[in-house]
Amino acid sequence: MPKIKEKASPAYRATRKNAASRHTRTNVVLDQALVEKAKAKFGVRTAREAIHASMKEATRSYDYSGLIALYGKGMIADDYALDVEPVHKPMTSEQARKYRKKLARLMAIKADKA
């Protein structure tokens, strides 16, 4: 916990107490149209809730292993592009190598069935 001045104002004391928490205060200029779209998309009423929901969505990690496992089992259209990497989370080189190896194996299985 940060050290707080003895004779500090209540506003200063509150700011210093919040500095130790996992929440931070900031002032930003936002495009109001984007805020309204985010509020509608996430079904929230305030800009704060919309920003929080947007940041949570932007930082969520996606797992496509279940989708890749279904490939070749007749549950995914043949023209569905599994080789497109998601744009919201870049893969490490090791993850990309494993992904390409698994995709090549799935494509070989499909070719053998044809």
Protein backbone atom coordinates (compact mmCIF):
# COMPACT_ATOMS: atom_id res chain seq x y z
CA MET A 1 0.00 0.00 0.00
CA PRO A 2 1.45 3.42 -0.90
CA LYS A 3 2.30 5.79 1.93
CA ILE A 4 -0.31 8.54 2.28
CA LYS A 5 0.44 12.04 3.55
CA GLU A 6 -0.91 12.71 7.04
CA LYS A 7 -2.57 16.04 6.17
CA ALA A 8 -3.68 15.17 2.64
CA SER A 9 -7.06 16.12 1.20
CA PRO A 10 -9.75 13.39 0.97
CA ALA A 11 -9.48 13.42 -2.84
CA TYR A 12 -5.70 12.89 -2.69
CA ARG A 13 -6.09 10.12 -0.12
CA ALA A 14 -8.70 8.36 -2.26
CA THR A 15 -6.46 8.60 -5.34
CA ARG A 16 -3.49 7.13 -3.47
CA LYS A 17 -5.59 4.29 -2.06
CA ASN A 18 -6.84 3.45 -5.56
CA ALA A 19 -3.27 3.36 -6.86
CA ALA A 20 -2.74 0.09 -4.98
CA SER A 21 -5.90 -1.54 -6.33
CA ARG A 22 -6.19 -3.36 -9.65
CA HIS A 23 -8.35 -0.59 -11.09
CA THR A 24 -6.94 2.58 -12.59
CA ARG A 25 -8.52 5.90 -13.39
CA THR A 26 -7.87 7.60 -16.68
CA ASN A 27 -9.38 10.29 -18.86
CA VAL A 28 -9.75 9.54 -22.55
CA VAL A 29 -11.54 11.13 -25.47
CA LEU A 30 -13.87 8.58 -27.06
CA ASP A 31 -15.79 8.50 -30.31
CA GLN A 32 -19.37 8.70 -29.05
CA ALA A 33 -20.71 6.69 -32.02
CA LEU A 34 -18.37 3.80 -31.12
CA VAL A 35 -19.41 3.99 -27.48
CA GLU A 36 -23.08 3.79 -28.49
CA LYS A 37 -22.37 0.80 -30.77
CA ALA A 38 -20.51 -0.97 -27.96
CA LYS A 39 -23.33 -0.25 -25.52
CA ALA A 40 -25.85 -1.73 -27.96
CA LYS A 41 -23.68 -4.75 -28.78
CA PHE A 42 -23.01 -5.70 -25.18
CA GLY A 43 -26.40 -4.64 -23.84
CA VAL A 44 -25.03 -2.24 -21.23
CA ARG A 45 -26.20 1.21 -20.18
CA THR A 46 -23.06 3.16 -19.36
CA ALA A 47 -19.90 4.04 -21.26
CA ARG A 48 -17.82 2.55 -18.45
CA GLU A 49 -19.58 -0.81 -18.79
CA ALA A 50 -19.21 -0.66 -22.59
CA ILE A 51 -15.47 0.03 -22.35
CA HIS A 52 -15.00 -2.74 -19.80
CA ALA A 53 -16.95 -5.25 -21.94
CA SER A 54 -15.02 -4.21 -25.06
CA MET A 55 -11.66 -4.62 -23.35
CA LYS A 56 -12.70 -7.99 -21.93
CA GLU A 57 -13.76 -9.16 -25.41
CA ALA A 58 -10.57 -7.83 -27.00
CA THR A 59 -8.34 -9.69 -24.54
CA ARG A 60 -10.24 -12.99 -24.48
CA SER A 61 -8.32 -15.92 -25.92
CA TYR A 62 -10.05 -18.20 -28.35
CA ASP A 63 -9.54 -21.95 -28.63
CA TYR A 64 -10.18 -23.39 -32.08
CA SER A 65 -8.96 -26.90 -31.31
CA GLY A 66 -12.52 -28.25 -31.09
CA LEU A 67 -13.37 -26.76 -34.48
CA ILE A 68 -10.22 -28.19 -36.06
CA ALA A 69 -10.99 -31.61 -34.58
CA LEU A 70 -14.38 -31.61 -36.37
CA TYR A 71 -12.75 -31.07 -39.76
CA GLY A 72 -13.25 -34.05 -42.07
CA LYS A 73 -16.10 -35.51 -40.02
CA GLY A 74 -18.88 -34.08 -42.17
CA MET A 75 -19.79 -31.38 -39.68
CA ILE A 76 -17.99 -28.49 -41.38
CA ALA A 77 -18.50 -27.44 -44.99
CA ASP A 78 -15.65 -28.53 -47.27
CA ASP A 79 -15.05 -24.96 -48.44
CA TYR A 80 -14.73 -23.60 -44.88
CA ALA A 81 -11.32 -21.97 -44.52
CA LEU A 82 -9.57 -23.56 -41.56
CA ASP A 83 -6.22 -22.28 -42.71
CA VAL A 84 -7.14 -18.68 -41.82
CA GLU A 85 -5.49 -17.70 -38.57
CA PRO A 86 -7.56 -15.58 -36.19
CA VAL A 87 -6.62 -11.91 -36.39
CA HIS A 88 -7.38 -11.05 -32.77
CA LYS A 89 -4.61 -13.15 -31.18
CA PRO A 90 -1.29 -13.63 -32.95
CA MET A 91 0.25 -17.07 -32.62
CA THR A 92 3.75 -17.70 -31.44
CA SER A 93 6.03 -19.40 -33.95
CA GLU A 94 5.73 -22.67 -32.00
CA GLN A 95 1.92 -22.48 -32.01
CA ALA A 96 1.94 -21.72 -35.74
CA ARG A 97 4.21 -24.69 -36.44
CA LYS A 98 1.89 -27.04 -34.50
CA TYR A 99 -1.16 -25.53 -36.22
CA ARG A 100 0.31 -26.04 -39.71
CA LYS A 101 1.35 -29.61 -38.84
CA LYS A 102 -2.13 -30.47 -37.55
CA LEU A 103 -3.79 -28.83 -40.55
CA ALA A 104 -1.56 -30.76 -42.96
CA ARG A 105 -2.46 -33.99 -41.16
CA LEU A 106 -6.18 -33.18 -41.40
CA MET A 107 -5.87 -32.32 -45.10
CA ALA A 108 -4.06 -35.63 -45.71
CA ILE A 109 -6.88 -37.52 -43.97
CA LYS A 110 -9.41 -35.72 -46.13
CA ALA A 111 -7.43 -36.48 -49.29
CA ASP A 112 -7.27 -40.20 -48.34
CA LYS A 113 -11.07 -40.29 -47.91
CA ALA A 114 -11.68 -38.76 -51.35
